[in-house]
């Protein structure tokens, strides 16, 4: 019997706008699970990463992260 996925789990997602073969794409990275998806828009990338997370966790229920009271990830752009 598969363990049920708890929809209250939080996942940290980073979305980057990138150019692939001169077309703009949005790449969504799930930091907790190390999986990636993409879409033509930000919204599509977010829907696709949600689907990817659900599929991943259906096959790997032991990978569901514990809900921790951690500060959310921080991001910045660094120019060298």
PDB file of N, CA and C in Angstrom:
ATOM      1  N   UNK A   1       0.834  -1.182   0.000  1.00  0.00           N
ATOM      2  CA  UNK A   1       0.000   0.000   0.000  1.00  0.00           C
ATOM      3  C   UNK A   1       0.882   1.250   0.000  1.00  0.00           C
ATOM      4  N   UNK A   2       0.585   2.172  -0.917  1.00  0.00           N
ATOM      5  CA  UNK A   2       1.374   3.392  -1.014  1.00  0.00           C
ATOM      6  C   UNK A   2       1.016   4.362   0.095  1.00  0.00           C
ATOM      7  N   UNK A   3       2.033   5.058   0.589  1.00  0.00           N
ATOM      8  CA  UNK A   3       1.818   6.090   1.595  1.00  0.00           C
ATOM      9  C   UNK A   3       1.179   7.297   0.918  1.00  0.00           C
ATOM     10  N   UNK A   4       0.183   7.883   1.558  1.00  0.00           N
ATOM     11  CA  UNK A   4      -0.488   9.055   0.997  1.00  0.00           C
ATOM     12  C   UNK A   4       0.413  10.278   1.085  1.00  0.00           C
ATOM     13  N   UNK A   5       0.408  11.063   0.029  1.00  0.00           N
ATOM     14  CA  UNK A   5       1.153  12.312  -0.006  1.00  0.00           C
ATOM     15  C   UNK A   5       0.345  13.380   0.714  1.00  0.00           C
ATOM     16  N   UNK A   6       0.946  14.005   1.695  1.00  0.00           N
ATOM     17  CA  UNK A   6       0.288  15.042   2.476  1.00  0.00           C
ATOM     18  C   UNK A   6       0.422  16.376   1.750  1.00  0.00           C
ATOM     19  N   UNK A   7      -0.689  16.942   1.321  1.00  0.00           N
ATOM     20  CA  UNK A   7      -0.669  18.167   0.520  1.00  0.00           C
ATOM     21  C   UNK A   7      -0.274  19.398   1.335  1.00  0.00           C
ATOM     22  N   UNK A   8       0.021  19.238   2.621  1.00  0.00           N
ATOM     23  CA  UNK A   8       0.442  20.388   3.414  1.00  0.00           C
ATOM     24  C   UNK A   8       1.961  20.524   3.457  1.00  0.00           C
ATOM     25  N   UNK A   9       2.673  19.634   2.811  1.00  0.00           N
ATOM     26  CA  UNK A   9       4.133  19.744   2.792  1.00  0.00           C
ATOM     27  C   UNK A   9       4.547  20.944   1.958  1.00  0.00           C
ATOM     28  N   UNK A  10       5.590  21.608   2.412  1.00  0.00           N
ATOM     29  CA  UNK A  10       6.097  22.784   1.706  1.00  0.00           C
ATOM     30  C   UNK A  10       7.348  22.401   0.930  1.00  0.00           C
ATOM     31  N   UNK A  11       7.451  22.911  -0.278  1.00  0.00           N
ATOM     32  CA  UNK A  11       8.613  22.669  -1.127  1.00  0.00           C
ATOM     33  C   UNK A  11       9.169  24.008  -1.578  1.00  0.00           C
ATOM     34  N   UNK A  12      10.489  24.113  -1.570  1.00  0.00           N
ATOM     35  CA  UNK A  12      11.162  25.340  -1.981  1.00  0.00           C
ATOM     36  C   UNK A  12      11.457  25.256  -3.474  1.00  0.00           C
ATOM     37  N   UNK A  13      10.909  26.211  -4.228  1.00  0.00           N
ATOM     38  CA  UNK A  13      11.034  26.222  -5.680  1.00  0.00           C
ATOM     39  C   UNK A  13      11.746  27.495  -6.111  1.00  0.00           C
ATOM     40  N   UNK A  14      12.699  27.356  -7.015  1.00  0.00           N
ATOM     41  CA  UNK A  14      13.370  28.490  -7.636  1.00  0.00           C
ATOM     42  C   UNK A  14      13.058  28.416  -9.126  1.00  0.00           C
ATOM     43  N   UNK A  15      12.639  29.548  -9.690  1.00  0.00           N
ATOM     44  CA  UNK A  15      12.326  29.604 -11.121  1.00  0.00           C
ATOM     45  C   UNK A  15      13.270  30.599 -11.778  1.00  0.00           C
ATOM     46  N   UNK A  16      13.946  30.141 -12.822  1.00  0.00           N
ATOM     47  CA  UNK A  16      14.856  30.987 -13.587  1.00  0.00           C
ATOM     48  C   UNK A  16      14.331  31.160 -14.996  1.00  0.00           C
ATOM     49  N   UNK A  17      14.435  32.373 -15.525  1.00  0.00           N
ATOM     50  CA  UNK A  17      14.140  32.609 -16.936  1.00  0.00           C
ATOM     51  C   UNK A  17      15.418  32.330 -17.708  1.00  0.00           C
ATOM     52  N   UNK A  18      15.322  31.451 -18.687  1.00  0.00           N
ATOM     53  CA  UNK A  18      16.497  31.082 -19.472  1.00  0.00           C
ATOM     54  C   UNK A  18      16.162  31.144 -20.958  1.00  0.00           C
ATOM     55  N   UNK A  19      17.186  31.099 -21.781  1.00  0.00           N
ATOM     56  CA  UNK A  19      16.993  31.082 -23.226  1.00  0.00           C
ATOM     57  C   UNK A  19      17.544  29.772 -23.763  1.00  0.00           C
ATOM     58  N   UNK A  20      16.693  29.044 -24.461  1.00  0.00           N
ATOM     59  CA  UNK A  20      17.049  27.762 -25.033  1.00  0.00           C
ATOM     60  C   UNK A  20      16.772  27.832 -26.518  1.00  0.00           C
ATOM     61  N   UNK A  21      17.814  27.715 -27.322  1.00  0.00           N
ATOM     62  CA  UNK A  21      17.693  27.836 -28.777  1.00  0.00           C
ATOM     63  C   UNK A  21      16.947  29.117 -29.148  1.00  0.00           C
ATOM     64  N   UNK A  22      17.328  30.216 -28.520  1.00  0.00           N
ATOM     65  CA  UNK A  22      16.799  31.555 -28.736  1.00  0.00           C
ATOM     66  C   UNK A  22      15.318  31.689 -28.390  1.00  0.00           C
ATOM     67  N   UNK A  23      14.797  30.778 -27.563  1.00  0.00           N
ATOM     68  CA  UNK A  23      13.430  30.882 -27.065  1.00  0.00           C
ATOM     69  C   UNK A  23      13.483  30.978 -25.549  1.00  0.00           C
ATOM     70  N   UNK A  24      12.607  31.837 -25.010  1.00  0.00           N
ATOM     71  CA  UNK A  24      12.557  32.015 -23.568  1.00  0.00           C
ATOM     72  C   UNK A  24      11.812  30.836 -22.940  1.00  0.00           C
ATOM     73  N   UNK A  25      12.400  30.273 -21.878  1.00  0.00           N
ATOM     74  CA  UNK A  25      11.742  29.228 -21.096  1.00  0.00           C
ATOM     75  C   UNK A  25      11.936  29.555 -19.623  1.00  0.00           C
ATOM     76  N   UNK A  26      11.032  29.044 -18.807  1.00  0.00           N
ATOM     77  CA  UNK A  26      11.135  29.198 -17.364  1.00  0.00           C
ATOM     78  C   UNK A  26      11.437  27.824 -16.786  1.00  0.00           C
ATOM     79  N   UNK A  27      12.535  27.726 -16.048  1.00  0.00           N
ATOM     80  CA  UNK A  27      12.972  26.466 -15.479  1.00  0.00           C
ATOM     81  C   UNK A  27      12.745  26.514 -13.970  1.00  0.00           C
ATOM     82  N   UNK A  28      11.957  25.561 -13.484  1.00  0.00           N
ATOM     83  CA  UNK A  28      11.626  25.490 -12.056  1.00  0.00           C
ATOM     84  C   UNK A  28      12.427  24.373 -11.412  1.00  0.00           C
ATOM     85  N   UNK A  29      13.112  24.689 -10.329  1.00  0.00           N
ATOM     86  CA  UNK A  29      13.939  23.738  -9.594  1.00  0.00           C
ATOM     87  C   UNK A  29      13.334  23.540  -8.208  1.00  0.00           C
ATOM     88  N   UNK A  30      13.085  22.285  -7.827  1.00  0.00           N
ATOM     89  CA  UNK A  30      12.648  21.973  -6.464  1.00  0.00           C
ATOM     90  C   UNK A  30      13.903  21.704  -5.649  1.00  0.00           C
ATOM     91  N   UNK A  31      14.221  22.613  -4.737  1.00  0.00           N
ATOM     92  CA  UNK A  31      15.454  22.506  -3.964  1.00  0.00           C
ATOM     93  C   UNK A  31      15.425  21.330  -2.996  1.00  0.00           C
ATOM     94  N   UNK A  32      14.251  20.973  -2.490  1.00  0.00           N
ATOM     95  CA  UNK A  32      14.144  19.894  -1.508  1.00  0.00           C
ATOM     96  C   UNK A  32      14.411  18.522  -2.116  1.00  0.00           C
ATOM     97  N   UNK A  33      13.987  18.335  -3.361  1.00  0.00           N
ATOM     98  CA  UNK A  33      14.048  17.006  -3.975  1.00  0.00           C
ATOM     99  C   UNK A  33      15.065  16.906  -5.108  1.00  0.00           C
ATOM    100  N   UNK A  34      15.579  18.035  -5.574  1.00  0.00           N
ATOM    101  CA  UNK A  34      16.555  18.016  -6.659  1.00  0.00           C
ATOM    102  C   UNK A  34      15.950  17.672  -8.006  1.00  0.00           C
ATOM    103  N   UNK A  35      14.683  18.043  -8.226  1.00  0.00           N
ATOM    104  CA  UNK A  35      14.065  17.783  -9.525  1.00  0.00           C
ATOM    105  C   UNK A  35      13.756  19.102 -10.213  1.00  0.00           C
ATOM    106  N   UNK A  36      13.627  19.036 -11.525  1.00  0.00           N
ATOM    107  CA  UNK A  36      13.468  20.228 -12.349  1.00  0.00           C
ATOM    108  C   UNK A  36      12.381  20.001 -13.378  1.00  0.00           C
ATOM    109  N   UNK A  37      11.695  21.080 -13.740  1.00  0.00           N
ATOM    110  CA  UNK A  37      10.733  21.056 -14.830  1.00  0.00           C
ATOM    111  C   UNK A  37      10.797  22.420 -15.502  1.00  0.00           C
ATOM    112  N   UNK A  38      10.038  22.590 -16.580  1.00  0.00           N
ATOM    113  CA  UNK A  38      10.080  23.868 -17.279  1.00  0.00           C
ATOM    114  C   UNK A  38       8.739  24.162 -17.918  1.00  0.00           C
ATOM    115  N   UNK A  39       8.593  25.391 -18.402  1.00  0.00           N
ATOM    116  CA  UNK A  39       7.390  25.801 -19.107  1.00  0.00           C
ATOM    117  C   UNK A  39       7.670  27.042 -19.926  1.00  0.00           C
ATOM    118  N   UNK A  40       6.742  27.358 -20.811  1.00  0.00           N
ATOM    119  CA  UNK A  40       6.889  28.549 -21.656  1.00  0.00           C
ATOM    120  C   UNK A  40       6.597  29.828 -20.881  1.00  0.00           C
ATOM    121  N   UNK A  41       5.850  29.698 -19.765  1.00  0.00           N
ATOM    122  CA  UNK A  41       5.545  30.829 -18.895  1.00  0.00           C
ATOM    123  C   UNK A  41       5.885  30.442 -17.460  1.00  0.00           C
ATOM    124  N   UNK A  42       5.942  31.438 -16.589  1.00  0.00           N
ATOM    125  CA  UNK A  42       6.185  31.173 -15.171  1.00  0.00           C
ATOM    126  C   UNK A  42       5.099  30.257 -14.621  1.00  0.00           C
ATOM    127  N   UNK A  43       3.847  30.564 -14.967  1.00  0.00           N
ATOM    128  CA  UNK A  43       2.720  29.783 -14.467  1.00  0.00           C
ATOM    129  C   UNK A  43       2.784  28.338 -14.940  1.00  0.00           C
ATOM    130  N   UNK A  44       3.134  28.138 -16.210  1.00  0.00           N
ATOM    131  CA  UNK A  44       3.251  26.782 -16.749  1.00  0.00           C
ATOM    132  C   UNK A  44       4.387  26.020 -16.064  1.00  0.00           C
ATOM    133  N   UNK A  45       5.494  26.704 -15.809  1.00  0.00           N
ATOM    134  CA  UNK A  45       6.622  26.065 -15.115  1.00  0.00           C
ATOM    135  C   UNK A  45       6.208  25.635 -13.710  1.00  0.00           C
ATOM    136  N   UNK A  46       5.422  26.469 -13.023  1.00  0.00           N
ATOM    137  CA  UNK A  46       4.974  26.123 -11.674  1.00  0.00           C
ATOM    138  C   UNK A  46       4.009  24.939 -11.695  1.00  0.00           C
ATOM    139  N   UNK A  47       3.104  24.911 -12.652  1.00  0.00           N
ATOM    140  CA  UNK A  47       2.192  23.766 -12.771  1.00  0.00           C
ATOM    141  C   UNK A  47       2.969  22.495 -13.087  1.00  0.00           C
ATOM    142  N   UNK A  48       3.950  22.602 -13.964  1.00  0.00           N
ATOM    143  CA  UNK A  48       4.740  21.436 -14.351  1.00  0.00           C
ATOM    144  C   UNK A  48       5.585  20.907 -13.194  1.00  0.00           C
ATOM    145  N   UNK A  49       6.148  21.806 -12.372  1.00  0.00           N
ATOM    146  CA  UNK A  49       6.947  21.331 -11.243  1.00  0.00           C
ATOM    147  C   UNK A  49       6.044  20.695 -10.189  1.00  0.00           C
ATOM    148  N   UNK A  50       4.819  21.218 -10.011  1.00  0.00           N
ATOM    149  CA  UNK A  50       3.874  20.579  -9.094  1.00  0.00           C
ATOM    150  C   UNK A  50       3.589  19.149  -9.537  1.00  0.00           C
ATOM    151  N   UNK A  51       3.328  18.985 -10.840  1.00  0.00           N
ATOM    152  CA  UNK A  51       3.067  17.645 -11.370  1.00  0.00           C
ATOM    153  C   UNK A  51       4.278  16.743 -11.194  1.00  0.00           C
ATOM    154  N   UNK A  52       5.476  17.282 -11.448  1.00  0.00           N
ATOM    155  CA  UNK A  52       6.702  16.491 -11.318  1.00  0.00           C
ATOM    156  C   UNK A  52       6.925  16.061  -9.868  1.00  0.00           C
ATOM    157  N   UNK A  53       6.646  16.956  -8.923  1.00  0.00           N
ATOM    158  CA  UNK A  53       6.803  16.626  -7.503  1.00  0.00           C
ATOM    159  C   UNK A  53       5.831  15.524  -7.115  1.00  0.00           C
ATOM    160  N   UNK A  54       4.571  15.665  -7.522  1.00  0.00           N
ATOM    161  CA  UNK A  54       3.566  14.644  -7.198  1.00  0.00           C
ATOM    162  C   UNK A  54       3.963  13.282  -7.753  1.00  0.00           C
ATOM    163  N   UNK A  55       4.388  13.242  -9.020  1.00  0.00           N
ATOM    164  CA  UNK A  55       4.800  11.971  -9.634  1.00  0.00           C
ATOM    165  C   UNK A  55       6.008  11.378  -8.924  1.00  0.00           C
ATOM    166  N   UNK A  56       6.978  12.229  -8.594  1.00  0.00           N
ATOM    167  CA  UNK A  56       8.182  11.773  -7.909  1.00  0.00           C
ATOM    168  C   UNK A  56       7.828  11.157  -6.561  1.00  0.00           C
ATOM    169  N   UNK A  57       6.960  11.838  -5.811  1.00  0.00           N
ATOM    170  CA  UNK A  57       6.623  11.364  -4.471  1.00  0.00           C
ATOM    171  C   UNK A  57       5.720  10.134  -4.483  1.00  0.00           C
ATOM    172  N   UNK A  58       4.957   9.952  -5.552  1.00  0.00           N
ATOM    173  CA  UNK A  58       4.181   8.719  -5.677  1.00  0.00           C
ATOM    174  C   UNK A  58       5.107   7.516  -5.776  1.00  0.00           C
ATOM    175  N   UNK A  59       6.222   7.685  -6.467  1.00  0.00           N
ATOM    176  CA  UNK A  59       7.190   6.606  -6.640  1.00  0.00           C
ATOM    177  C   UNK A  59       8.198   6.524  -5.496  1.00  0.00           C
ATOM    178  N   UNK A  60       8.387   7.628  -4.779  1.00  0.00           N
ATOM    179  CA  UNK A  60       9.387   7.699  -3.704  1.00  0.00           C
ATOM    180  C   UNK A  60       8.784   8.347  -2.467  1.00  0.00           C
ATOM    181  N   UNK A  61       7.776   7.719  -1.842  1.00  0.00           N
ATOM    182  CA  UNK A  61       7.111   8.366  -0.696  1.00  0.00           C
ATOM    183  C   UNK A  61       8.033   8.611   0.495  1.00  0.00           C
ATOM    184  N   UNK A  62       9.114   7.865   0.586  1.00  0.00           N
ATOM    185  CA  UNK A  62      10.056   8.061   1.695  1.00  0.00           C
ATOM    186  C   UNK A  62      10.800   9.387   1.573  1.00  0.00           C
ATOM    187  N   UNK A  63      10.715  10.049   0.426  1.00  0.00           N
ATOM    188  CA  UNK A  63      11.441  11.295   0.199  1.00  0.00           C
ATOM    189  C   UNK A  63      10.679  12.540   0.635  1.00  0.00           C
ATOM    190  N   UNK A  64       9.462  12.370   1.155  1.00  0.00           N
ATOM    191  CA  UNK A  64       8.681  13.536   1.592  1.00  0.00           C
ATOM    192  C   UNK A  64       9.459  14.239   2.696  1.00  0.00           C
ATOM    193  N   UNK A  65       9.791  15.526   2.498  1.00  0.00           N
ATOM    194  CA  UNK A  65      10.564  16.227   3.523  1.00  0.00           C
ATOM    195  C   UNK A  65       9.720  16.506   4.753  1.00  0.00           C
ATOM    196  N   UNK A  66      10.372  16.507   5.892  1.00  0.00           N
ATOM    197  CA  UNK A  66       9.709  16.871   7.141  1.00  0.00           C
ATOM    198  C   UNK A  66       9.413  18.363   7.100  1.00  0.00           C
ATOM    199  N   UNK A  67       8.233  18.735   7.572  1.00  0.00           N
ATOM    200  CA  UNK A  67       7.928  20.167   7.674  1.00  0.00           C
ATOM    201  C   UNK A  67       8.777  20.741   8.790  1.00  0.00           C
ATOM    202  N   UNK A  68       9.718  21.542   8.412  1.00  0.00           N
ATOM    203  CA  UNK A  68      10.644  22.132   9.369  1.00  0.00           C
ATOM    204  C   UNK A  68      10.374  23.621   9.491  1.00  0.00           C
ATOM    205  N   UNK A  69      10.633  24.156  10.641  1.00  0.00           N
ATOM    206  CA  UNK A  69      10.473  25.588  10.841  1.00  0.00           C
ATOM    207  C   UNK A  69      11.779  26.294  10.489  1.00  0.00           C
ATOM    208  N   UNK A  70      12.177  26.149   9.253  1.00  0.00           N
ATOM    209  CA  UNK A  70      13.401  26.785   8.780  1.00  0.00           C
ATOM    210  C   UNK A  70      13.061  28.068   8.037  1.00  0.00           C
ATOM    211  N   UNK A  71      14.005  28.956   8.017  1.00  0.00           N
ATOM    212  CA  UNK A  71      13.849  30.161   7.232  1.00  0.00           C
ATOM    213  C   UNK A  71      13.776  29.770   5.760  1.00  0.00           C
ATOM    214  N   UNK A  72      12.945  30.421   4.955  1.00  0.00           N
ATOM    215  CA  UNK A  72      12.880  30.075   3.535  1.00  0.00           C
ATOM    216  C   UNK A  72      14.206  30.360   2.842  1.00  0.00           C
ATOM    217  N   UNK A  73      14.459  29.718   1.712  1.00  0.00           N
ATOM    218  CA  UNK A  73      15.706  29.971   0.996  1.00  0.00           C
ATOM    219  C   UNK A  73      15.828  31.431   0.581  1.00  0.00           C
ATOM    220  N   UNK A  74      17.052  31.892   0.566  1.00  0.00           N
ATOM    221  CA  UNK A  74      17.317  33.257   0.111  1.00  0.00           C
ATOM    222  C   UNK A  74      18.055  33.174  -1.213  1.00  0.00           C
ATOM    223  N   UNK A  75      17.795  34.121  -2.074  1.00  0.00           N
ATOM    224  CA  UNK A  75      18.481  34.161  -3.360  1.00  0.00           C
ATOM    225  C   UNK A  75      18.904  35.588  -3.652  1.00  0.00           C
ATOM    226  N   UNK A  76      19.978  35.709  -4.350  1.00  0.00           N
ATOM    227  CA  UNK A  76      20.442  37.015  -4.799  1.00  0.00           C
ATOM    228  C   UNK A  76      21.188  36.822  -6.100  1.00  0.00           C
ATOM    229  N   UNK A  77      21.409  37.883  -6.800  1.00  0.00           N
ATOM    230  CA  UNK A  77      22.198  37.844  -8.031  1.00  0.00           C
ATOM    231  C   UNK A  77      23.558  38.434  -7.720  1.00  0.00           C
ATOM    232  N   UNK A  78      24.592  37.716  -8.088  1.00  0.00           N
ATOM    233  CA  UNK A  78      25.958  38.122  -7.803  1.00  0.00           C
ATOM    234  C   UNK A  78      26.669  38.405  -9.106  1.00  0.00           C
ATOM    235  N   UNK A  79      27.223  39.591  -9.244  1.00  0.00           N
ATOM    236  CA  UNK A  79      27.965  39.974 -10.439  1.00  0.00           C
ATOM    237  C   UNK A  79      29.460  39.943 -10.125  1.00  0.00           C
ATOM    238  N   UNK A  80      30.218  39.244 -10.952  1.00  0.00           N
ATOM    239  CA  UNK A  80      31.668  39.180 -10.754  1.00  0.00           C
ATOM    240  C   UNK A  80      32.386  39.875 -11.893  1.00  0.00           C
TER     241      UNK A  80
END
